[in-house]
């Protein structure tokens, strides 16, 4: 779903007027910001806290991964390329979290 939205709708909408590079920066920025809730924004002792440095590192990482997903789409010529790349990334991340860190 994320690929259909970010690399499909968002990217395509901005690419028409701004070009692919600027559209990729926009969709990658949106993608990274939406992932703050995964790491960096925490609920501790009945209050929300934004962990500044971890949030910055996480958002930068998600931005770069999102650019990789865009290049996968561009290289394959299809949104399916970014979907497969994103799926492989998530599978690798799940493997690391549940098997290597356990």
PDB file of N, CA and C in Angstrom:
ATOM      1  N   UNK A   1       0.802  -1.198   0.000  1.00  0.00           N
ATOM      2  CA  UNK A   1       0.000   0.000   0.000  1.00  0.00           C
ATOM      3  C   UNK A   1       0.848   1.266   0.000  1.00  0.00           C
ATOM      4  N   UNK A   2       1.938   1.245   0.773  1.00  0.00           N
ATOM      5  CA  UNK A   2       2.794   2.438   0.832  1.00  0.00           C
ATOM      6  C   UNK A   2       3.398   2.756  -0.528  1.00  0.00           C
ATOM      7  N   UNK A   3       3.809   1.733  -1.244  1.00  0.00           N
ATOM      8  CA  UNK A   3       4.409   1.979  -2.557  1.00  0.00           C
ATOM      9  C   UNK A   3       3.385   2.520  -3.546  1.00  0.00           C
ATOM     10  N   UNK A   4       2.197   1.985  -3.512  1.00  0.00           N
ATOM     11  CA  UNK A   4       1.151   2.492  -4.405  1.00  0.00           C
ATOM     12  C   UNK A   4       0.848   3.960  -4.105  1.00  0.00           C
ATOM     13  N   UNK A   5       0.888   4.311  -2.829  1.00  0.00           N
ATOM     14  CA  UNK A   5       0.611   5.693  -2.463  1.00  0.00           C
ATOM     15  C   UNK A   5       1.808   6.606  -2.741  1.00  0.00           C
ATOM     16  N   UNK A   6       2.979   6.296  -2.149  1.00  0.00           N
ATOM     17  CA  UNK A   6       4.122   7.217  -2.240  1.00  0.00           C
ATOM     18  C   UNK A   6       4.781   7.210  -3.620  1.00  0.00           C
ATOM     19  N   UNK A   7       5.133   6.038  -4.148  1.00  0.00           N
ATOM     20  CA  UNK A   7       5.786   5.987  -5.457  1.00  0.00           C
ATOM     21  C   UNK A   7       4.775   6.016  -6.597  1.00  0.00           C
ATOM     22  N   UNK A   8       3.520   5.739  -6.286  1.00  0.00           N
ATOM     23  CA  UNK A   8       2.479   5.802  -7.305  1.00  0.00           C
ATOM     24  C   UNK A   8       1.819   7.162  -7.354  1.00  0.00           C
ATOM     25  N   UNK A   9       0.926   7.416  -6.437  1.00  0.00           N
ATOM     26  CA  UNK A   9       0.120   8.645  -6.458  1.00  0.00           C
ATOM     27  C   UNK A   9       0.942   9.894  -6.184  1.00  0.00           C
ATOM     28  N   UNK A  10       1.668   9.932  -5.057  1.00  0.00           N
ATOM     29  CA  UNK A  10       2.400  11.147  -4.682  1.00  0.00           C
ATOM     30  C   UNK A  10       3.474  11.473  -5.707  1.00  0.00           C
ATOM     31  N   UNK A  11       4.311  10.506  -6.015  1.00  0.00           N
ATOM     32  CA  UNK A  11       5.401  10.762  -6.955  1.00  0.00           C
ATOM     33  C   UNK A  11       4.876  11.181  -8.323  1.00  0.00           C
ATOM     34  N   UNK A  12       3.939  10.435  -8.835  1.00  0.00           N
ATOM     35  CA  UNK A  12       3.407  10.741 -10.164  1.00  0.00           C
ATOM     36  C   UNK A  12       2.746  12.113 -10.220  1.00  0.00           C
ATOM     37  N   UNK A  13       2.080  12.490  -9.162  1.00  0.00           N
ATOM     38  CA  UNK A  13       1.417  13.803  -9.125  1.00  0.00           C
ATOM     39  C   UNK A  13       2.431  14.945  -9.194  1.00  0.00           C
ATOM     40  N   UNK A  14       3.517  14.831  -8.437  1.00  0.00           N
ATOM     41  CA  UNK A  14       4.522  15.894  -8.430  1.00  0.00           C
ATOM     42  C   UNK A  14       5.451  15.833  -9.638  1.00  0.00           C
ATOM     43  N   UNK A  15       5.694  14.640 -10.167  1.00  0.00           N
ATOM     44  CA  UNK A  15       6.619  14.483 -11.295  1.00  0.00           C
ATOM     45  C   UNK A  15       6.117  15.217 -12.539  1.00  0.00           C
ATOM     46  N   UNK A  16       4.824  15.305 -12.697  1.00  0.00           N
ATOM     47  CA  UNK A  16       4.262  15.978 -13.878  1.00  0.00           C
ATOM     48  C   UNK A  16       4.689  17.441 -13.958  1.00  0.00           C
ATOM     49  N   UNK A  17       4.752  18.112 -12.818  1.00  0.00           N
ATOM     50  CA  UNK A  17       5.086  19.543 -12.826  1.00  0.00           C
ATOM     51  C   UNK A  17       6.508  19.848 -12.372  1.00  0.00           C
ATOM     52  N   UNK A  18       7.107  18.988 -11.554  1.00  0.00           N
ATOM     53  CA  UNK A  18       8.423  19.285 -10.983  1.00  0.00           C
ATOM     54  C   UNK A  18       9.550  18.408 -11.510  1.00  0.00           C
ATOM     55  N   UNK A  19       9.215  17.323 -12.150  1.00  0.00           N
ATOM     56  CA  UNK A  19      10.223  16.370 -12.611  1.00  0.00           C
ATOM     57  C   UNK A  19      10.446  15.269 -11.594  1.00  0.00           C
ATOM     58  N   UNK A  20      11.119  14.215 -12.022  1.00  0.00           N
ATOM     59  CA  UNK A  20      11.293  13.030 -11.181  1.00  0.00           C
ATOM     60  C   UNK A  20      12.182  13.254  -9.960  1.00  0.00           C
ATOM     61  N   UNK A  21      13.241  14.044 -10.099  1.00  0.00           N
ATOM     62  CA  UNK A  21      14.163  14.240  -8.964  1.00  0.00           C
ATOM     63  C   UNK A  21      13.470  14.966  -7.820  1.00  0.00           C
ATOM     64  N   UNK A  22      12.807  16.080  -8.121  1.00  0.00           N
ATOM     65  CA  UNK A  22      12.106  16.830  -7.073  1.00  0.00           C
ATOM     66  C   UNK A  22      10.934  16.026  -6.516  1.00  0.00           C
ATOM     67  N   UNK A  23      10.250  15.304  -7.382  1.00  0.00           N
ATOM     68  CA  UNK A  23       9.139  14.467  -6.922  1.00  0.00           C
ATOM     69  C   UNK A  23       9.643  13.376  -5.987  1.00  0.00           C
ATOM     70  N   UNK A  24      10.821  12.822  -6.278  1.00  0.00           N
ATOM     71  CA  UNK A  24      11.404  11.803  -5.409  1.00  0.00           C
ATOM     72  C   UNK A  24      11.775  12.386  -4.052  1.00  0.00           C
ATOM     73  N   UNK A  25      12.283  13.612  -4.037  1.00  0.00           N
ATOM     74  CA  UNK A  25      12.604  14.271  -2.765  1.00  0.00           C
ATOM     75  C   UNK A  25      11.334  14.483  -1.948  1.00  0.00           C
ATOM     76  N   UNK A  26      10.267  14.889  -2.596  1.00  0.00           N
ATOM     77  CA  UNK A  26       8.992  15.122  -1.901  1.00  0.00           C
ATOM     78  C   UNK A  26       8.412  13.821  -1.373  1.00  0.00           C
ATOM     79  N   UNK A  27       8.325  12.777  -2.232  1.00  0.00           N
ATOM     80  CA  UNK A  27       7.707  11.537  -1.748  1.00  0.00           C
ATOM     81  C   UNK A  27       8.590  10.851  -0.705  1.00  0.00           C
ATOM     82  N   UNK A  28       9.904  10.975  -0.825  1.00  0.00           N
ATOM     83  CA  UNK A  28      10.804  10.383   0.170  1.00  0.00           C
ATOM     84  C   UNK A  28      10.728  11.134   1.500  1.00  0.00           C
ATOM     85  N   UNK A  29      10.572  12.445   1.445  1.00  0.00           N
ATOM     86  CA  UNK A  29      10.415  13.236   2.672  1.00  0.00           C
ATOM     87  C   UNK A  29       9.122  12.866   3.391  1.00  0.00           C
ATOM     88  N   UNK A  30       8.041  12.768   2.635  1.00  0.00           N
ATOM     89  CA  UNK A  30       6.761  12.383   3.231  1.00  0.00           C
ATOM     90  C   UNK A  30       6.837  10.976   3.816  1.00  0.00           C
ATOM     91  N   UNK A  31       7.466  10.065   3.078  1.00  0.00           N
ATOM     92  CA  UNK A  31       7.631   8.687   3.537  1.00  0.00           C
ATOM     93  C   UNK A  31       8.406   8.644   4.849  1.00  0.00           C
ATOM     94  N   UNK A  32       9.491   9.414   4.931  1.00  0.00           N
ATOM     95  CA  UNK A  32      10.302   9.390   6.155  1.00  0.00           C
ATOM     96  C   UNK A  32       9.558   9.998   7.336  1.00  0.00           C
ATOM     97  N   UNK A  33       8.830  11.075   7.112  1.00  0.00           N
ATOM     98  CA  UNK A  33       8.103  11.711   8.212  1.00  0.00           C
ATOM     99  C   UNK A  33       6.966  10.848   8.738  1.00  0.00           C
ATOM    100  N   UNK A  34       6.335  10.112   7.859  1.00  0.00           N
ATOM    101  CA  UNK A  34       5.219   9.262   8.292  1.00  0.00           C
ATOM    102  C   UNK A  34       5.728   8.112   9.171  1.00  0.00           C
ATOM    103  N   UNK A  35       7.022   7.800   9.069  1.00  0.00           N
ATOM    104  CA  UNK A  35       7.596   6.706   9.845  1.00  0.00           C
ATOM    105  C   UNK A  35       8.170   7.136  11.195  1.00  0.00           C
ATOM    106  N   UNK A  36       7.987   8.404  11.575  1.00  0.00           N
ATOM    107  CA  UNK A  36       8.433   8.853  12.901  1.00  0.00           C
ATOM    108  C   UNK A  36       7.753   8.042  13.996  1.00  0.00           C
ATOM    109  N   UNK A  37       6.519   7.659  13.753  1.00  0.00           N
ATOM    110  CA  UNK A  37       5.776   6.922  14.777  1.00  0.00           C
ATOM    111  C   UNK A  37       6.372   5.536  15.035  1.00  0.00           C
ATOM    112  N   UNK A  38       7.216   5.029  14.134  1.00  0.00           N
ATOM    113  CA  UNK A  38       7.840   3.726  14.337  1.00  0.00           C
ATOM    114  C   UNK A  38       9.016   3.800  15.304  1.00  0.00           C
ATOM    115  N   UNK A  39       9.666   4.953  15.321  1.00  0.00           N
ATOM    116  CA  UNK A  39      10.850   5.081  16.174  1.00  0.00           C
ATOM    117  C   UNK A  39      11.155   6.562  16.327  1.00  0.00           C
ATOM    118  N   UNK A  40      11.170   7.041  17.534  1.00  0.00           N
ATOM    119  CA  UNK A  40      11.498   8.442  17.773  1.00  0.00           C
ATOM    120  C   UNK A  40      10.413   9.181  18.528  1.00  0.00           C
ATOM    121  N   UNK A  41       9.183   8.826  18.318  1.00  0.00           N
ATOM    122  CA  UNK A  41       8.066   9.413  19.050  1.00  0.00           C
ATOM    123  C   UNK A  41       7.558   8.321  19.989  1.00  0.00           C
ATOM    124  N   UNK A  42       7.768   8.519  21.274  1.00  0.00           N
ATOM    125  CA  UNK A  42       7.451   7.471  22.245  1.00  0.00           C
ATOM    126  C   UNK A  42       6.511   7.987  23.328  1.00  0.00           C
ATOM    127  N   UNK A  43       5.772   7.075  23.922  1.00  0.00           N
ATOM    128  CA  UNK A  43       4.857   7.387  25.019  1.00  0.00           C
ATOM    129  C   UNK A  43       5.429   6.775  26.283  1.00  0.00           C
ATOM    130  N   UNK A  44       5.981   7.623  27.168  1.00  0.00           N
ATOM    131  CA  UNK A  44       6.618   7.163  28.397  1.00  0.00           C
ATOM    132  C   UNK A  44       6.042   7.939  29.578  1.00  0.00           C
ATOM    133  N   UNK A  45       5.690   7.222  30.631  1.00  0.00           N
ATOM    134  CA  UNK A  45       5.145   7.847  31.844  1.00  0.00           C
ATOM    135  C   UNK A  45       3.977   8.782  31.541  1.00  0.00           C
ATOM    136  N   UNK A  46       3.059   8.304  30.748  1.00  0.00           N
ATOM    137  CA  UNK A  46       1.843   9.036  30.398  1.00  0.00           C
ATOM    138  C   UNK A  46       2.070  10.345  29.647  1.00  0.00           C
ATOM    139  N   UNK A  47       3.192  10.447  28.919  1.00  0.00           N
ATOM    140  CA  UNK A  47       3.391  11.622  28.076  1.00  0.00           C
ATOM    141  C   UNK A  47       4.181  11.252  26.821  1.00  0.00           C
ATOM    142  N   UNK A  48       3.915  12.003  25.758  1.00  0.00           N
ATOM    143  CA  UNK A  48       4.603  11.796  24.492  1.00  0.00           C
ATOM    144  C   UNK A  48       5.936  12.516  24.508  1.00  0.00           C
ATOM    145  N   UNK A  49       6.977  11.840  24.022  1.00  0.00           N
ATOM    146  CA  UNK A  49       8.303  12.444  23.933  1.00  0.00           C
ATOM    147  C   UNK A  49       8.855  12.211  22.534  1.00  0.00           C
ATOM    148  N   UNK A  50       9.490  13.243  21.993  1.00  0.00           N
ATOM    149  CA  UNK A  50      10.163  13.134  20.712  1.00  0.00           C
ATOM    150  C   UNK A  50      11.656  13.034  20.996  1.00  0.00           C
ATOM    151  N   UNK A  51      12.233  11.904  20.662  1.00  0.00           N
ATOM    152  CA  UNK A  51      13.660  11.679  20.868  1.00  0.00           C
ATOM    153  C   UNK A  51      14.394  12.258  19.657  1.00  0.00           C
ATOM    154  N   UNK A  52      14.957  13.439  19.808  1.00  0.00           N
ATOM    155  CA  UNK A  52      15.457  14.233  18.684  1.00  0.00           C
ATOM    156  C   UNK A  52      16.507  13.516  17.840  1.00  0.00           C
ATOM    157  N   UNK A  53      17.572  13.061  18.448  1.00  0.00           N
ATOM    158  CA  UNK A  53      18.656  12.445  17.667  1.00  0.00           C
ATOM    159  C   UNK A  53      18.221  11.119  17.044  1.00  0.00           C
ATOM    160  N   UNK A  54      17.595  10.204  17.790  1.00  0.00           N
ATOM    161  CA  UNK A  54      17.111   8.976  17.152  1.00  0.00           C
ATOM    162  C   UNK A  54      16.095   9.261  16.041  1.00  0.00           C
ATOM    163  N   UNK A  55      15.244  10.274  16.230  1.00  0.00           N
ATOM    164  CA  UNK A  55      14.262  10.623  15.195  1.00  0.00           C
ATOM    165  C   UNK A  55      14.965  11.101  13.938  1.00  0.00           C
ATOM    166  N   UNK A  56      15.979  11.952  14.092  1.00  0.00           N
ATOM    167  CA  UNK A  56      16.724  12.447  12.933  1.00  0.00           C
ATOM    168  C   UNK A  56      17.392  11.294  12.181  1.00  0.00           C
ATOM    169  N   UNK A  57      18.061  10.402  12.924  1.00  0.00           N
ATOM    170  CA  UNK A  57      18.735   9.256  12.295  1.00  0.00           C
ATOM    171  C   UNK A  57      17.727   8.361  11.585  1.00  0.00           C
ATOM    172  N   UNK A  58      16.608   8.092  12.237  1.00  0.00           N
ATOM    173  CA  UNK A  58      15.573   7.238  11.665  1.00  0.00           C
ATOM    174  C   UNK A  58      14.975   7.869  10.402  1.00  0.00           C
ATOM    175  N   UNK A  59      14.649   9.150  10.461  1.00  0.00           N
ATOM    176  CA  UNK A  59      14.053   9.826   9.293  1.00  0.00           C
ATOM    177  C   UNK A  59      15.038   9.888   8.131  1.00  0.00           C
ATOM    178  N   UNK A  60      16.292  10.160   8.415  1.00  0.00           N
ATOM    179  CA  UNK A  60      17.306  10.173   7.355  1.00  0.00           C
ATOM    180  C   UNK A  60      17.427   8.786   6.727  1.00  0.00           C
ATOM    181  N   UNK A  61      17.431   7.758   7.552  1.00  0.00           N
ATOM    182  CA  UNK A  61      17.511   6.383   7.046  1.00  0.00           C
ATOM    183  C   UNK A  61      16.299   6.046   6.185  1.00  0.00           C
ATOM    184  N   UNK A  62      15.115   6.407   6.652  1.00  0.00           N
ATOM    185  CA  UNK A  62      13.905   6.131   5.883  1.00  0.00           C
ATOM    186  C   UNK A  62      13.865   6.933   4.576  1.00  0.00           C
ATOM    187  N   UNK A  63      14.401   8.145   4.607  1.00  0.00           N
ATOM    188  CA  UNK A  63      14.494   8.948   3.386  1.00  0.00           C
ATOM    189  C   UNK A  63      15.370   8.232   2.358  1.00  0.00           C
ATOM    190  N   UNK A  64      16.529   7.767   2.786  1.00  0.00           N
ATOM    191  CA  UNK A  64      17.452   7.089   1.871  1.00  0.00           C
ATOM    192  C   UNK A  64      16.874   5.778   1.350  1.00  0.00           C
ATOM    193  N   UNK A  65      16.203   5.041   2.213  1.00  0.00           N
ATOM    194  CA  UNK A  65      15.553   3.802   1.782  1.00  0.00           C
ATOM    195  C   UNK A  65      14.452   4.119   0.767  1.00  0.00           C
ATOM    196  N   UNK A  66      13.729   5.193   0.996  1.00  0.00           N
ATOM    197  CA  UNK A  66      12.670   5.588   0.075  1.00  0.00           C
ATOM    198  C   UNK A  66      13.232   5.949  -1.298  1.00  0.00           C
ATOM    199  N   UNK A  67      14.383   6.601  -1.317  1.00  0.00           N
ATOM    200  CA  UNK A  67      15.042   6.905  -2.601  1.00  0.00           C
ATOM    201  C   UNK A  67      15.414   5.592  -3.302  1.00  0.00           C
ATOM    202  N   UNK A  68      15.877   4.611  -2.534  1.00  0.00           N
ATOM    203  CA  UNK A  68      16.177   3.294  -3.100  1.00  0.00           C
ATOM    204  C   UNK A  68      14.925   2.678  -3.728  1.00  0.00           C
ATOM    205  N   UNK A  69      13.796   2.808  -3.049  1.00  0.00           N
ATOM    206  CA  UNK A  69      12.541   2.282  -3.598  1.00  0.00           C
ATOM    207  C   UNK A  69      12.185   2.993  -4.910  1.00  0.00           C
ATOM    208  N   UNK A  70      12.427   4.304  -4.971  1.00  0.00           N
ATOM    209  CA  UNK A  70      12.169   5.044  -6.212  1.00  0.00           C
ATOM    210  C   UNK A  70      13.080   4.539  -7.340  1.00  0.00           C
ATOM    211  N   UNK A  71      14.375   4.345  -7.034  1.00  0.00           N
ATOM    212  CA  UNK A  71      15.289   3.841  -8.064  1.00  0.00           C
ATOM    213  C   UNK A  71      14.889   2.448  -8.525  1.00  0.00           C
ATOM    214  N   UNK A  72      14.345   1.641  -7.625  1.00  0.00           N
ATOM    215  CA  UNK A  72      13.858   0.311  -7.998  1.00  0.00           C
ATOM    216  C   UNK A  72      12.699   0.424  -8.978  1.00  0.00           C
ATOM    217  N   UNK A  73      11.836   1.389  -8.731  1.00  0.00           N
ATOM    218  CA  UNK A  73      10.718   1.623  -9.648  1.00  0.00           C
ATOM    219  C   UNK A  73      11.241   2.097 -10.995  1.00  0.00           C
ATOM    220  N   UNK A  74      12.171   3.045 -10.975  1.00  0.00           N
ATOM    221  CA  UNK A  74      12.716   3.608 -12.209  1.00  0.00           C
ATOM    222  C   UNK A  74      13.455   2.544 -13.013  1.00  0.00           C
ATOM    223  N   UNK A  75      14.304   1.764 -12.337  1.00  0.00           N
ATOM    224  CA  UNK A  75      15.111   0.747 -13.011  1.00  0.00           C
ATOM    225  C   UNK A  75      14.244  -0.353 -13.619  1.00  0.00           C
ATOM    226  N   UNK A  76      13.197  -0.755 -12.900  1.00  0.00           N
ATOM    227  CA  UNK A  76      12.330  -1.835 -13.385  1.00  0.00           C
ATOM    228  C   UNK A  76      11.305  -1.340 -14.407  1.00  0.00           C
ATOM    229  N   UNK A  77      11.057  -0.024 -14.390  1.00  0.00           N
ATOM    230  CA  UNK A  77      10.050   0.523 -15.306  1.00  0.00           C
ATOM    231  C   UNK A  77       8.627   0.296 -14.829  1.00  0.00           C
ATOM    232  N   UNK A  78       8.494  -0.137 -13.573  1.00  0.00           N
ATOM    233  CA  UNK A  78       7.171  -0.464 -13.048  1.00  0.00           C
ATOM    234  C   UNK A  78       7.132  -0.234 -11.544  1.00  0.00           C
ATOM    235  N   UNK A  79       5.969   0.076 -11.034  1.00  0.00           N
ATOM    236  CA  UNK A  79       5.775   0.205  -9.590  1.00  0.00           C
ATOM    237  C   UNK A  79       6.038  -1.128  -8.902  1.00  0.00           C
ATOM    238  N   UNK A  80       5.927  -2.219  -9.641  1.00  0.00           N
ATOM    239  CA  UNK A  80       6.183  -3.544  -9.083  1.00  0.00           C
ATOM    240  C   UNK A  80       7.621  -3.658  -8.581  1.00  0.00           C
ATOM    241  N   UNK A  81       8.562  -2.971  -9.223  1.00  0.00           N
ATOM    242  CA  UNK A  81       9.951  -2.983  -8.764  1.00  0.00           C
ATOM    243  C   UNK A  81      10.094  -2.413  -7.370  1.00  0.00           C
ATOM    244  N   UNK A  82       9.413  -1.307  -7.095  1.00  0.00           N
ATOM    245  CA  UNK A  82       9.494  -0.715  -5.760  1.00  0.00           C
ATOM    246  C   UNK A  82       8.732  -1.550  -4.745  1.00  0.00           C
ATOM    247  N   UNK A  83       7.660  -2.170  -5.159  1.00  0.00           N
ATOM    248  CA  UNK A  83       6.902  -3.040  -4.248  1.00  0.00           C
ATOM    249  C   UNK A  83       7.756  -4.228  -3.819  1.00  0.00           C
ATOM    250  N   UNK A  84       8.451  -4.847  -4.773  1.00  0.00           N
ATOM    251  CA  UNK A  84       9.309  -5.993  -4.459  1.00  0.00           C
ATOM    252  C   UNK A  84      10.474  -5.554  -3.572  1.00  0.00           C
ATOM    253  N   UNK A  85      11.088  -4.412  -3.890  1.00  0.00           N
ATOM    254  CA  UNK A  85      12.205  -3.900  -3.086  1.00  0.00           C
ATOM    255  C   UNK A  85      11.753  -3.599  -1.654  1.00  0.00           C
ATOM    256  N   UNK A  86      10.611  -2.953  -1.509  1.00  0.00           N
ATOM    257  CA  UNK A  86      10.076  -2.620  -0.186  1.00  0.00           C
ATOM    258  C   UNK A  86       9.759  -3.902   0.591  1.00  0.00           C
ATOM    259  N   UNK A  87       9.179  -4.875  -0.089  1.00  0.00           N
ATOM    260  CA  UNK A  87       8.849  -6.147   0.566  1.00  0.00           C
ATOM    261  C   UNK A  87      10.112  -6.858   1.039  1.00  0.00           C
ATOM    262  N   UNK A  88      11.151  -6.860   0.204  1.00  0.00           N
ATOM    263  CA  UNK A  88      12.412  -7.496   0.581  1.00  0.00           C
ATOM    264  C   UNK A  88      13.049  -6.765   1.759  1.00  0.00           C
ATOM    265  N   UNK A  89      12.979  -5.437   1.748  1.00  0.00           N
ATOM    266  CA  UNK A  89      13.512  -4.645   2.858  1.00  0.00           C
ATOM    267  C   UNK A  89      12.790  -4.995   4.159  1.00  0.00           C
ATOM    268  N   UNK A  90      11.458  -5.019   4.110  1.00  0.00           N
ATOM    269  CA  UNK A  90      10.677  -5.346   5.314  1.00  0.00           C
ATOM    270  C   UNK A  90      10.966  -6.762   5.803  1.00  0.00           C
ATOM    271  N   UNK A  91      11.082  -7.700   4.879  1.00  0.00           N
ATOM    272  CA  UNK A  91      11.384  -9.079   5.249  1.00  0.00           C
ATOM    273  C   UNK A  91      12.755  -9.163   5.930  1.00  0.00           C
ATOM    274  N   UNK A  92      13.749  -8.469   5.367  1.00  0.00           N
ATOM    275  CA  UNK A  92      15.075  -8.447   5.969  1.00  0.00           C
ATOM    276  C   UNK A  92      15.071  -7.804   7.342  1.00  0.00           C
ATOM    277  N   UNK A  93      14.307  -6.733   7.491  1.00  0.00           N
ATOM    278  CA  UNK A  93      14.223  -6.043   8.775  1.00  0.00           C
ATOM    279  C   UNK A  93      13.539  -6.944   9.822  1.00  0.00           C
ATOM    280  N   UNK A  94      12.482  -7.617   9.435  1.00  0.00           N
ATOM    281  CA  UNK A  94      11.784  -8.526  10.343  1.00  0.00           C
ATOM    282  C   UNK A  94      12.708  -9.671  10.761  1.00  0.00           C
ATOM    283  N   UNK A  95      13.462 -10.208   9.806  1.00  0.00           N
ATOM    284  CA  UNK A  95      14.411 -11.277  10.114  1.00  0.00           C
ATOM    285  C   UNK A  95      15.430 -10.797  11.149  1.00  0.00           C
ATOM    286  N   UNK A  96      15.983  -9.623  10.940  1.00  0.00           N
ATOM    287  CA  UNK A  96      16.978  -9.078  11.877  1.00  0.00           C
ATOM    288  C   UNK A  96      16.386  -8.858  13.264  1.00  0.00           C
ATOM    289  N   UNK A  97      15.195  -8.305  13.325  1.00  0.00           N
ATOM    290  CA  UNK A  97      14.568  -8.001  14.612  1.00  0.00           C
ATOM    291  C   UNK A  97      14.213  -9.267  15.384  1.00  0.00           C
ATOM    292  N   UNK A  98      13.612 -10.234  14.709  1.00  0.00           N
ATOM    293  CA  UNK A  98      13.094 -11.401  15.424  1.00  0.00           C
ATOM    294  C   UNK A  98      14.073 -12.566  15.545  1.00  0.00           C
ATOM    295  N   UNK A  99      15.089 -12.617  14.686  1.00  0.00           N
ATOM    296  CA  UNK A  99      16.010 -13.745  14.744  1.00  0.00           C
ATOM    297  C   UNK A  99      17.418 -13.346  15.156  1.00  0.00           C
ATOM    298  N   UNK A 100      17.946 -12.277  14.603  1.00  0.00           N
ATOM    299  CA  UNK A 100      19.317 -11.897  14.924  1.00  0.00           C
ATOM    300  C   UNK A 100      19.428 -11.175  16.265  1.00  0.00           C
ATOM    301  N   UNK A 101      18.409 -10.422  16.643  1.00  0.00           N
ATOM    302  CA  UNK A 101      18.442  -9.692  17.901  1.00  0.00           C
ATOM    303  C   UNK A 101      17.898 -10.517  19.068  1.00  0.00           C
ATOM    304  N   UNK A 102      17.380 -11.662  18.792  1.00  0.00           N
ATOM    305  CA  UNK A 102      16.767 -12.497  19.814  1.00  0.00           C
ATOM    306  C   UNK A 102      17.739 -13.340  20.544  1.00  0.00           C
TER     307      UNK A 102
END
